[in-house]
Amino acid sequence: MSREIRDIMAECMRRERYGLIRPLWADMVGDDAAAEEVRRRADHLIRILADYGVELVFRGDVTPPAVPTSQTILVNQVFGQPDTLREIRAGEGAFSILAIKAGVPTAEQSFTLNEVMLNAGLVLADDPAAKTIKGLGRQLAAATEIYRLNAAGVGGGK
């Protein structure tokens, strides 16, 4: 069954703003009030796009995302901290996670994808060493976004 474009747009707008969060959109659809608020914003954006001659058409086929053209891979709002953003950025030889508080970036960690894969192996093996890696959950989440957004080859972060 095909979904309405406004529903797809609403889900994408929510995901762009907050990342993949719970409740998932599919779970939220039962809560009409919360979903409808985002759908109204989607309707508004669709109307603005139409004012500029842009029409959204559902093709039905899904293609992989294009490789990002910016060093910034993803920026998300930090929960409960309205003045803080978290950014995943590609750099020379590594990816970085930065906290941006009131416009001032602070590097939280840098890693290569090879390091992430080794660390993920520690987690899967229940190796106690995994518990000693500061920010491991954030690192694994960042790697998931890097792959999801087809950004593994951006910069030198291999």
Protein backbone atom coordinates (compact mmCIF):
# COMPACT_ATOMS: atom_id res chain seq x y z
CA MET A 1 0.00 0.00 0.00
CA SER A 2 1.35 3.39 -0.98
CA ARG A 3 1.72 6.11 1.64
CA GLU A 4 0.68 9.70 1.10
CA ILE A 5 3.47 12.08 0.15
CA ARG A 6 2.58 14.34 3.09
CA ASP A 7 3.07 11.43 5.48
CA ILE A 8 6.44 10.55 3.93
CA MET A 9 7.46 14.22 4.03
CA ALA A 10 6.39 14.50 7.68
CA GLU A 11 8.40 11.43 8.64
CA CYS A 12 11.45 12.75 6.77
CA MET A 13 11.16 16.21 8.36
CA ARG A 14 10.98 14.66 11.82
CA ARG A 15 13.93 12.41 11.08
CA GLU A 16 15.98 15.31 9.65
CA ARG A 17 15.38 17.35 12.79
CA TYR A 18 15.79 14.68 15.48
CA GLY A 19 17.44 11.69 13.80
CA LEU A 20 15.93 8.24 14.14
CA ILE A 21 14.17 8.51 17.49
CA ARG A 22 11.45 6.73 19.41
CA PRO A 23 8.63 6.55 19.01
CA LEU A 24 9.33 5.53 15.44
CA TRP A 25 7.03 7.17 12.89
CA ALA A 26 5.22 3.87 12.28
CA ASP A 27 4.47 3.70 16.02
CA MET A 28 3.52 7.37 16.18
CA VAL A 29 0.84 7.11 13.50
CA GLY A 30 -1.56 5.71 16.12
CA ASP A 31 -1.11 8.96 18.08
CA ASP A 32 -2.94 11.21 15.63
CA ALA A 33 -2.30 14.43 17.57
CA ALA A 34 1.50 14.10 17.56
CA ALA A 35 1.69 12.83 13.97
CA GLU A 36 -0.79 15.42 12.71
CA GLU A 37 1.33 18.29 14.04
CA VAL A 38 4.27 17.11 11.93
CA ARG A 39 1.98 16.47 8.93
CA ARG A 40 0.74 20.09 9.12
CA ARG A 41 4.37 21.27 8.95
CA ALA A 42 4.91 18.93 5.98
CA ASP A 43 1.84 20.35 4.22
CA HIS A 44 3.23 23.83 4.77
CA LEU A 45 6.62 22.89 3.30
CA ILE A 46 4.94 21.18 0.33
CA ARG A 47 2.96 24.39 -0.35
CA ILE A 48 6.12 26.51 -0.12
CA LEU A 49 7.89 24.18 -2.55
CA ALA A 50 4.90 24.42 -4.93
CA ASP A 51 5.18 28.23 -4.81
CA TYR A 52 8.68 27.77 -6.27
CA GLY A 53 7.50 25.34 -8.94
CA VAL A 54 8.69 22.19 -7.16
CA GLU A 55 6.36 19.21 -7.18
CA LEU A 56 6.92 16.08 -5.11
CA VAL A 57 6.17 12.87 -6.95
CA PHE A 58 6.16 9.41 -5.41
CA ARG A 59 8.32 7.16 -7.62
CA GLY A 60 7.97 4.04 -5.55
CA ASP A 61 11.57 2.94 -6.00
CA VAL A 62 14.20 3.65 -3.37
CA THR A 63 17.75 4.52 -4.34
CA PRO A 64 20.74 4.81 -2.01
CA PRO A 65 21.41 8.32 -0.75
CA ALA A 66 23.91 10.43 -2.64
CA VAL A 67 27.36 10.81 -1.12
CA PRO A 68 27.40 14.00 0.98
CA THR A 69 29.24 16.94 -0.54
CA SER A 70 29.99 18.54 2.82
CA GLN A 71 32.29 17.48 5.64
CA THR A 72 29.25 17.69 7.92
CA ILE A 73 27.50 14.32 7.81
CA LEU A 74 24.70 14.91 10.31
CA VAL A 75 23.65 17.46 12.92
CA ASN A 76 21.14 16.61 15.65
CA GLN A 77 19.67 18.52 18.55
CA VAL A 78 20.85 17.12 21.91
CA PHE A 79 17.86 15.97 23.95
CA GLY A 80 17.03 18.29 26.84
CA GLN A 81 19.67 20.85 25.83
CA PRO A 82 18.04 23.38 23.47
CA ASP A 83 21.30 25.29 22.96
CA THR A 84 23.39 22.20 22.11
CA LEU A 85 23.78 20.34 18.82
CA ARG A 86 25.82 17.22 18.08
CA GLU A 87 27.57 17.02 14.72
CA ILE A 88 29.21 14.11 12.93
CA ARG A 89 31.93 15.45 10.66
CA ALA A 90 34.40 13.89 8.22
CA GLY A 91 37.98 15.06 8.48
CA GLU A 92 41.42 14.10 7.27
CA GLY A 93 41.85 10.45 8.16
CA ALA A 94 39.01 10.25 10.69
CA PHE A 95 35.45 11.15 11.57
CA SER A 96 34.70 13.40 14.52
CA ILE A 97 31.80 13.93 16.87
CA LEU A 98 31.45 17.51 18.04
CA ALA A 99 29.18 19.13 20.60
CA ILE A 100 28.16 22.62 19.51
CA LYS A 101 26.93 24.60 22.51
CA ALA A 102 25.72 28.13 21.83
CA GLY A 103 27.56 28.03 18.49
CA VAL A 104 30.91 26.95 19.97
CA PRO A 105 32.12 23.52 18.74
CA THR A 106 33.96 21.15 21.09
CA ALA A 107 35.46 17.90 19.80
CA GLU A 108 34.12 14.96 21.80
CA GLN A 109 35.97 12.20 19.94
CA SER A 110 37.56 11.18 16.66
CA PHE A 111 37.67 7.71 15.14
CA THR A 112 38.25 5.79 11.95
CA LEU A 113 35.73 3.30 10.67
CA ASN A 114 38.30 0.55 11.22
CA GLU A 115 38.46 1.50 14.92
CA VAL A 116 34.67 1.44 15.12
CA MET A 117 34.54 -2.04 13.60
CA LEU A 118 37.10 -3.31 16.12
CA ASN A 119 35.14 -1.71 18.97
CA ALA A 120 31.88 -3.21 17.69
CA GLY A 121 33.57 -6.60 17.77
CA LEU A 122 34.42 -6.06 21.43
CA VAL A 123 30.77 -5.33 22.16
CA LEU A 124 29.55 -8.41 20.29
CA ALA A 125 32.07 -10.60 22.12
CA ASP A 126 31.03 -9.17 25.53
CA ASP A 127 34.68 -8.23 26.02
CA PRO A 128 35.04 -6.24 29.28
CA ALA A 129 37.37 -3.86 27.43
CA ALA A 130 34.33 -2.42 25.63
CA LYS A 131 33.14 -0.91 28.92
CA THR A 132 36.34 1.11 29.18
CA ILE A 133 35.89 2.92 25.86
CA LYS A 134 34.55 6.39 26.59
CA GLY A 135 31.64 7.38 24.33
CA LEU A 136 31.44 3.97 22.65
CA GLY A 137 27.65 4.09 22.25
CA ARG A 138 27.88 7.50 20.61
CA GLN A 139 30.69 6.26 18.35
CA LEU A 140 28.66 3.24 17.24
CA ALA A 141 25.60 5.42 16.66
CA ALA A 142 27.70 7.84 14.59
CA ALA A 143 29.06 4.97 12.47
CA THR A 144 25.49 3.81 11.84
CA GLU A 145 24.58 7.29 10.55
CA ILE A 146 27.75 7.48 8.45
CA TYR A 147 26.84 4.25 6.67
CA ARG A 148 23.11 5.08 6.48
CA LEU A 149 23.88 8.39 4.77
CA ASN A 150 26.42 6.79 2.39
CA ALA A 151 29.23 8.93 3.84
CA ALA A 152 31.85 6.25 4.55
CA GLY A 153 34.02 7.54 1.69
CA VAL A 154 33.79 11.24 2.55
CA GLY A 155 37.15 12.79 3.48
CA GLY A 156 39.72 10.41 4.84
CA GLY A 157 37.59 8.75 7.48
CA LYS A 158 38.11 5.15 6.38
